[in-house]
Amino acid sequence: MEDIYADLLQKTAAGDQLAFKKLYEETSPKLMSLCLRLMRTEALAEDVLQEGFIKVWEKADSFSPGKGRALTWMSTVIRNKGLDKLRSLKTKAAETEIQYEGLEFASQDLQPDNLEDVSQDLKGLMACLDTLKPDQKECILLSYYYGHTHQELADKMGKPLGTIKAWIRRGLEDIRPCLT
């Protein structure tokens, strides 16, 4: 499958401002939705998106097409900026007006009727995550989607810290081949 953003990201790494503008125009709506899920307020989400795209501009040369897709790399940059912002505000993603009740937080809108709205990367990721044991999947989603630390997960799930770390590490190892 062709990575439609990889070329734009590589041109951005070379300092091509027009490629960066096009990359922003094509990916910012998807990345804004990621920011909104993480930050829960539009103002904070916009700040994170802007800071994230500055980081994308500055670090585009560290993107390696052989290691993953461009949008996945950009999502990671944006997500990390969001988590940094949450930490700087001395808050946790789980404390931003959301009640966590297990895996039910995942949208039920991702049914066959609406799959055209979901990026290929996200569909692939969810399929890979579905191959994991429920506890592993839950830990990975809570860690990467909500930004919980391993200790917070251990406390929340009533499991030893070592177990949580092992579930996440093994889960990531298990899905790595699926993601490539």
Protein backbone atom coordinates (compact mmCIF):
# COMPACT_ATOMS: atom_id res chain seq x y z
CA MET A 1 0.00 0.00 0.00
CA GLU A 2 1.35 3.41 -0.97
CA ASP A 3 2.08 5.92 1.78
CA ILE A 4 0.65 9.11 0.30
CA TYR A 5 2.21 11.38 2.95
CA ALA A 6 5.75 9.94 2.99
CA ASP A 7 6.86 11.93 -0.06
CA LEU A 8 5.49 15.18 1.38
CA LEU A 9 7.20 14.49 4.69
CA GLN A 10 10.51 13.78 2.97
CA LYS A 11 10.22 16.99 0.95
CA THR A 12 9.44 18.81 4.20
CA ALA A 13 12.66 17.38 5.65
CA ALA A 14 14.48 19.02 2.75
CA GLY A 15 12.94 22.39 3.66
CA ASP A 16 10.16 22.44 1.04
CA GLN A 17 7.59 24.85 2.52
CA LEU A 18 4.98 24.10 -0.14
CA ALA A 19 5.17 20.38 0.63
CA PHE A 20 4.79 21.17 4.33
CA LYS A 21 1.76 23.34 3.60
CA LYS A 22 0.16 20.54 1.57
CA LEU A 23 1.04 18.01 4.30
CA TYR A 24 -0.62 20.27 6.87
CA GLU A 25 -3.73 20.79 4.75
CA GLU A 26 -4.18 17.06 4.15
CA THR A 27 -3.37 15.71 7.61
CA SER A 28 -4.40 18.41 10.07
CA PRO A 29 -8.09 17.38 10.24
CA LYS A 30 -7.12 13.81 11.20
CA LEU A 31 -4.49 14.97 13.65
CA MET A 32 -6.86 17.56 15.15
CA SER A 33 -9.28 14.78 16.02
CA LEU A 34 -6.43 13.02 17.83
CA CYS A 35 -5.67 16.24 19.72
CA LEU A 36 -9.32 16.72 20.66
CA ARG A 37 -9.59 13.18 22.03
CA LEU A 38 -6.49 13.66 24.12
CA MET A 39 -6.92 17.27 25.27
CA ARG A 40 -10.74 17.43 25.51
CA THR A 41 -10.86 21.19 24.86
CA GLU A 42 -10.62 22.83 21.47
CA ALA A 43 -8.23 25.58 22.60
CA LEU A 44 -5.72 23.11 24.07
CA ALA A 45 -6.12 20.81 21.07
CA GLU A 46 -5.34 23.68 18.67
CA ASP A 47 -2.23 24.58 20.72
CA VAL A 48 -1.03 20.99 20.66
CA LEU A 49 -1.68 20.68 16.92
CA GLN A 50 0.31 23.85 16.23
CA GLU A 51 3.19 22.80 18.50
CA GLY A 52 3.09 19.33 16.98
CA PHE A 53 3.36 20.63 13.43
CA ILE A 54 6.30 22.82 14.44
CA LYS A 55 7.97 19.66 15.74
CA VAL A 56 7.08 17.82 12.50
CA TRP A 57 8.75 20.63 10.52
CA GLU A 58 11.84 20.55 12.75
CA LYS A 59 12.17 16.75 12.95
CA ALA A 60 10.89 15.63 9.54
CA ASP A 61 14.38 14.39 8.69
CA SER A 62 14.08 11.76 11.43
CA PHE A 63 11.16 10.07 9.66
CA SER A 64 12.16 6.76 8.12
CA PRO A 65 9.71 5.28 5.59
CA GLY A 66 11.12 1.81 6.25
CA LYS A 67 10.03 1.95 9.89
CA GLY A 68 6.40 2.97 9.41
CA ARG A 69 3.88 5.18 7.70
CA ALA A 70 4.18 8.97 7.66
CA LEU A 71 0.80 9.61 9.28
CA THR A 72 1.63 7.15 12.06
CA TRP A 73 4.92 8.96 12.70
CA MET A 74 3.16 12.34 12.71
CA SER A 75 0.46 11.00 15.04
CA THR A 76 3.15 9.90 17.47
CA VAL A 77 4.76 13.36 17.38
CA ILE A 78 1.38 15.02 17.99
CA ARG A 79 0.42 12.56 20.73
CA ASN A 80 3.72 13.13 22.53
CA LYS A 81 3.19 16.89 22.35
CA GLY A 82 -0.29 16.41 23.84
CA LEU A 83 1.01 14.28 26.68
CA ASP A 84 3.75 16.84 27.35
CA LYS A 85 1.11 19.57 27.50
CA LEU A 86 -1.05 17.56 29.89
CA ARG A 87 1.95 16.95 32.15
CA SER A 88 2.86 20.64 32.06
CA LEU A 89 -0.68 21.49 33.15
CA LYS A 90 -0.26 19.00 36.00
CA THR A 91 -3.21 16.97 34.87
CA LYS A 92 -3.77 13.52 33.50
CA ALA A 93 -5.69 12.70 30.35
CA ALA A 94 -8.07 10.56 32.40
CA GLU A 95 -8.99 13.58 34.55
CA THR A 96 -10.27 15.67 31.68
CA GLU A 97 -13.98 15.18 32.19
CA ILE A 98 -14.15 11.56 31.09
CA GLN A 99 -15.31 8.52 32.92
CA TYR A 100 -13.41 5.39 32.03
CA GLU A 101 -15.45 2.22 32.32
CA GLY A 102 -13.31 -0.33 30.51
CA LEU A 103 -12.94 -0.71 26.77
CA GLU A 104 -16.37 0.81 26.18
CA PHE A 105 -14.69 4.19 25.62
CA ALA A 106 -13.96 3.09 22.05
CA SER A 107 -16.47 4.56 19.65
CA GLN A 108 -19.15 2.25 18.37
CA ASP A 109 -19.30 4.44 15.25
CA LEU A 110 -16.61 2.29 13.68
CA GLN A 111 -19.14 -0.04 12.18
CA PRO A 112 -19.06 -1.11 8.51
CA ASP A 113 -21.36 1.77 7.47
CA ASN A 114 -18.85 4.38 8.63
CA LEU A 115 -15.48 2.75 7.91
CA GLU A 116 -14.87 5.06 4.97
CA ASP A 117 -14.25 7.83 7.53
CA VAL A 118 -11.50 5.89 9.28
CA SER A 119 -7.93 5.98 8.03
CA GLN A 120 -6.28 2.79 6.85
CA ASP A 121 -3.71 3.14 9.62
CA LEU A 122 -6.34 3.17 12.33
CA LYS A 123 -8.19 0.19 10.87
CA GLY A 124 -4.93 -1.73 10.68
CA LEU A 125 -4.01 -0.81 14.24
CA MET A 126 -7.39 -1.87 15.61
CA ALA A 127 -7.19 -5.19 13.75
CA CYS A 128 -3.76 -5.79 15.23
CA LEU A 129 -4.94 -4.86 18.73
CA ASP A 130 -7.85 -7.27 18.38
CA THR A 131 -5.34 -10.14 18.21
CA LEU A 132 -4.20 -9.42 21.77
CA LYS A 133 -5.59 -10.73 25.04
CA PRO A 134 -8.18 -8.32 26.47
CA ASP A 135 -5.95 -7.22 29.38
CA GLN A 136 -3.02 -6.49 27.04
CA LYS A 137 -5.25 -4.53 24.67
CA GLU A 138 -6.72 -2.55 27.54
CA CYS A 139 -3.29 -1.68 28.98
CA ILE A 140 -1.92 -0.57 25.62
CA LEU A 141 -4.95 1.57 24.83
CA LEU A 142 -4.98 3.18 28.27
CA SER A 143 -1.27 3.82 28.12
CA TYR A 144 -1.07 5.19 24.58
CA TYR A 145 -4.56 6.61 24.10
CA TYR A 146 -5.06 8.15 27.55
CA GLY A 147 -1.45 8.56 28.65
CA HIS A 148 -1.68 6.52 31.85
CA THR A 149 1.61 5.54 33.43
CA HIS A 150 2.37 1.90 34.18
CA GLN A 151 1.91 2.58 37.89
CA GLU A 152 -1.49 4.17 37.30
CA LEU A 153 -2.56 1.13 35.29
CA ALA A 154 -1.36 -1.22 38.03
CA ASP A 155 -3.37 0.73 40.61
CA LYS A 156 -6.46 1.00 38.38
CA MET A 157 -6.45 -2.68 37.40
CA GLY A 158 -5.32 -4.04 40.77
CA LYS A 159 -2.37 -5.88 39.22
CA PRO A 160 1.34 -5.86 40.07
CA LEU A 161 3.43 -3.25 38.26
CA GLY A 162 5.62 -5.96 36.70
CA THR A 163 2.55 -7.66 35.23
CA ILE A 164 1.36 -4.42 33.63
CA LYS A 165 4.81 -3.74 32.16
CA ALA A 166 5.02 -7.30 30.82
CA TRP A 167 1.53 -7.12 29.26
CA ILE A 168 2.40 -3.89 27.47
CA ARG A 169 5.86 -5.01 26.35
CA ARG A 170 4.65 -8.40 25.11
CA GLY A 171 1.57 -6.90 23.53
CA LEU A 172 3.66 -4.40 21.58
CA GLU A 173 6.05 -7.17 20.54
CA ASP A 174 3.10 -9.28 19.40
CA ILE A 175 1.52 -6.54 17.25
CA ARG A 176 4.77 -5.18 15.78
CA PRO A 177 4.79 -7.71 12.87
CA CYS A 178 1.11 -7.01 12.24
CA LEU A 179 1.74 -3.27 11.90
CA THR A 180 4.38 -3.54 9.18
